[in-house]
Structures are given as structure tokens and as C-alpha cells.
Amino acid sequence: MSKYIIPVYIQTTASTVIGEVECDSLADFHVKAEALWKSKDYDHPSTNIHNGFDLNDWDLGEMSKDDLIHYEVV
């Protein structure tokens, strides 16, 4: 008989675009993104299945100052 019985977990990540914000800085983005999500009653994606998936807590997607270059309006 083995010494341990350890459950093995797989993980998943789900995301969805809830809209866009116009901003002039990363700090401005964070303020406006939080306000947008709040305006949507903090809605989040669902697995639409009943098999025990736990997608954990939801939070806004991460954005760094270096990421801003990809969203610059030219």
C-alpha cells in the first residue's frame, strides 16, 4: 500500500472581453477598466457545464506599462 494518496488537478483559464476604454496612462486604464467591469455588475464567463470546474475568483486581466505599446492609437 502506498504512503500517500494525492489528488491530481488540472487547471484552466477563461477570459472574455467586456468592452474597451480610452485612456492616457496605465493608472487611467486601471481606473476606467474597474469602472467598466463594475458597470457590468462584475459579470464573468461561465463554463456552462456541471462537472465541478472551479475557475476560482475573477479579476481584471493584467496590464503592464510595456503592454501599452500594443494598444497605442496611431
C-alpha atoms as a PDB file:
ATOM      1  CA  MET A   1       0.000   0.000   0.000  1.00  0.00           C
ATOM      2  CA  SER A   2       1.276   3.494  -0.872  1.00  0.00           C
ATOM      3  CA  LYS A   3       2.192   6.064   1.734  1.00  0.00           C
ATOM      4  CA  TYR A   4       0.236   8.925   0.071  1.00  0.00           C
ATOM      5  CA  ILE A   5      -2.968   9.374  -1.875  1.00  0.00           C
ATOM      6  CA  ILE A   6      -2.728  12.749  -3.602  1.00  0.00           C
ATOM      7  CA  PRO A   7      -5.396  14.213  -5.881  1.00  0.00           C
ATOM      8  CA  VAL A   8      -4.165  15.371  -9.281  1.00  0.00           C
ATOM      9  CA  TYR A   9      -5.649  18.614 -10.585  1.00  0.00           C
ATOM     10  CA  ILE A  10      -5.721  20.181 -13.984  1.00  0.00           C
ATOM     11  CA  GLN A  11      -6.257  23.919 -14.322  1.00  0.00           C
ATOM     12  CA  THR A  12      -7.975  26.095 -16.846  1.00  0.00           C
ATOM     13  CA  THR A  13      -8.253  29.790 -17.528  1.00  0.00           C
ATOM     14  CA  ALA A  14     -11.209  31.529 -19.108  1.00  0.00           C
ATOM     15  CA  SER A  15     -11.429  35.101 -20.273  1.00  0.00           C
ATOM     16  CA  THR A  16     -13.817  37.371 -22.106  1.00  0.00           C
ATOM     17  CA  VAL A  17     -13.648  40.915 -23.457  1.00  0.00           C
ATOM     18  CA  ILE A  18     -16.140  43.126 -21.599  1.00  0.00           C
ATOM     19  CA  GLY A  19     -15.511  46.288 -23.623  1.00  0.00           C
ATOM     20  CA  GLU A  20     -12.868  48.900 -24.325  1.00  0.00           C
ATOM     21  CA  VAL A  21     -11.709  52.022 -22.521  1.00  0.00           C
ATOM     22  CA  GLU A  22      -9.851  55.031 -23.838  1.00  0.00           C
ATOM     23  CA  CYS A  23      -7.033  56.134 -21.549  1.00  0.00           C
ATOM     24  CA  ASP A  24      -3.821  58.157 -21.411  1.00  0.00           C
ATOM     25  CA  SER A  25      -1.823  56.097 -18.903  1.00  0.00           C
ATOM     26  CA  LEU A  26      -1.705  52.741 -17.143  1.00  0.00           C
ATOM     27  CA  ALA A  27      -3.199  54.292 -13.989  1.00  0.00           C
ATOM     28  CA  ASP A  28      -6.002  55.800 -16.075  1.00  0.00           C
ATOM     29  CA  PHE A  29      -6.592  52.369 -17.653  1.00  0.00           C
ATOM     30  CA  HIS A  30      -6.929  50.683 -14.255  1.00  0.00           C
ATOM     31  CA  VAL A  31      -9.469  53.228 -13.009  1.00  0.00           C
ATOM     32  CA  LYS A  32     -11.564  53.078 -16.176  1.00  0.00           C
ATOM     33  CA  ALA A  33     -11.324  49.281 -16.533  1.00  0.00           C
ATOM     34  CA  GLU A  34     -12.552  48.771 -12.965  1.00  0.00           C
ATOM     35  CA  ALA A  35     -15.418  51.213 -13.572  1.00  0.00           C
ATOM     36  CA  LEU A  36     -16.374  49.367 -16.783  1.00  0.00           C
ATOM     37  CA  TRP A  37     -16.408  45.991 -15.031  1.00  0.00           C
ATOM     38  CA  LYS A  38     -18.426  47.441 -12.142  1.00  0.00           C
ATOM     39  CA  SER A  39     -20.951  48.851 -14.644  1.00  0.00           C
ATOM     40  CA  LYS A  40     -21.452  45.285 -15.892  1.00  0.00           C
ATOM     41  CA  ASP A  41     -22.196  44.084 -12.329  1.00  0.00           C
ATOM     42  CA  TYR A  42     -18.832  42.270 -12.288  1.00  0.00           C
ATOM     43  CA  ASP A  43     -20.147  39.740 -14.828  1.00  0.00           C
ATOM     44  CA  HIS A  44     -17.806  36.869 -15.733  1.00  0.00           C
ATOM     45  CA  PRO A  45     -17.671  33.880 -18.098  1.00  0.00           C
ATOM     46  CA  SER A  46     -19.267  30.609 -17.099  1.00  0.00           C
ATOM     47  CA  THR A  47     -18.335  27.067 -18.031  1.00  0.00           C
ATOM     48  CA  ASN A  48     -21.984  26.289 -18.875  1.00  0.00           C
ATOM     49  CA  ILE A  49     -21.398  22.737 -17.687  1.00  0.00           C
ATOM     50  CA  HIS A  50     -21.991  20.922 -14.437  1.00  0.00           C
ATOM     51  CA  ASN A  51     -18.872  18.868 -13.917  1.00  0.00           C
ATOM     52  CA  GLY A  52     -17.327  20.557 -10.894  1.00  0.00           C
ATOM     53  CA  PHE A  53     -14.998  23.005 -12.628  1.00  0.00           C
ATOM     54  CA  ASP A  54     -13.823  25.687 -10.229  1.00  0.00           C
ATOM     55  CA  LEU A  55     -12.463  28.694 -12.120  1.00  0.00           C
ATOM     56  CA  ASN A  56     -11.558  30.483  -8.867  1.00  0.00           C
ATOM     57  CA  ASP A  57     -12.021  34.194  -8.255  1.00  0.00           C
ATOM     58  CA  TRP A  58     -12.262  36.622 -11.139  1.00  0.00           C
ATOM     59  CA  ASP A  59     -10.195  39.754 -11.528  1.00  0.00           C
ATOM     60  CA  LEU A  60      -9.288  42.089 -14.330  1.00  0.00           C
ATOM     61  CA  GLY A  61      -6.632  40.852 -16.740  1.00  0.00           C
ATOM     62  CA  GLU A  62      -3.141  42.086 -16.003  1.00  0.00           C
ATOM     63  CA  MET A  63      -1.717  45.001 -17.944  1.00  0.00           C
ATOM     64  CA  SER A  64       1.782  46.401 -17.617  1.00  0.00           C
ATOM     65  CA  LYS A  65       3.288  49.645 -18.829  1.00  0.00           C
ATOM     66  CA  ASP A  66       5.159  47.665 -21.506  1.00  0.00           C
ATOM     67  CA  ASP A  67       1.827  46.347 -22.850  1.00  0.00           C
ATOM     68  CA  LEU A  68       0.567  49.852 -23.618  1.00  0.00           C
ATOM     69  CA  ILE A  69       2.558  49.972 -26.878  1.00  0.00           C
ATOM     70  CA  HIS A  70       0.254  47.303 -28.337  1.00  0.00           C
ATOM     71  CA  TYR A  71      -2.803  49.483 -27.787  1.00  0.00           C
ATOM     72  CA  GLU A  72      -1.437  52.865 -28.845  1.00  0.00           C
ATOM     73  CA  VAL A  73      -3.730  54.762 -31.167  1.00  0.00           C
ATOM     74  CA  VAL A  74      -1.724  55.847 -34.165  1.00  0.00           C
END
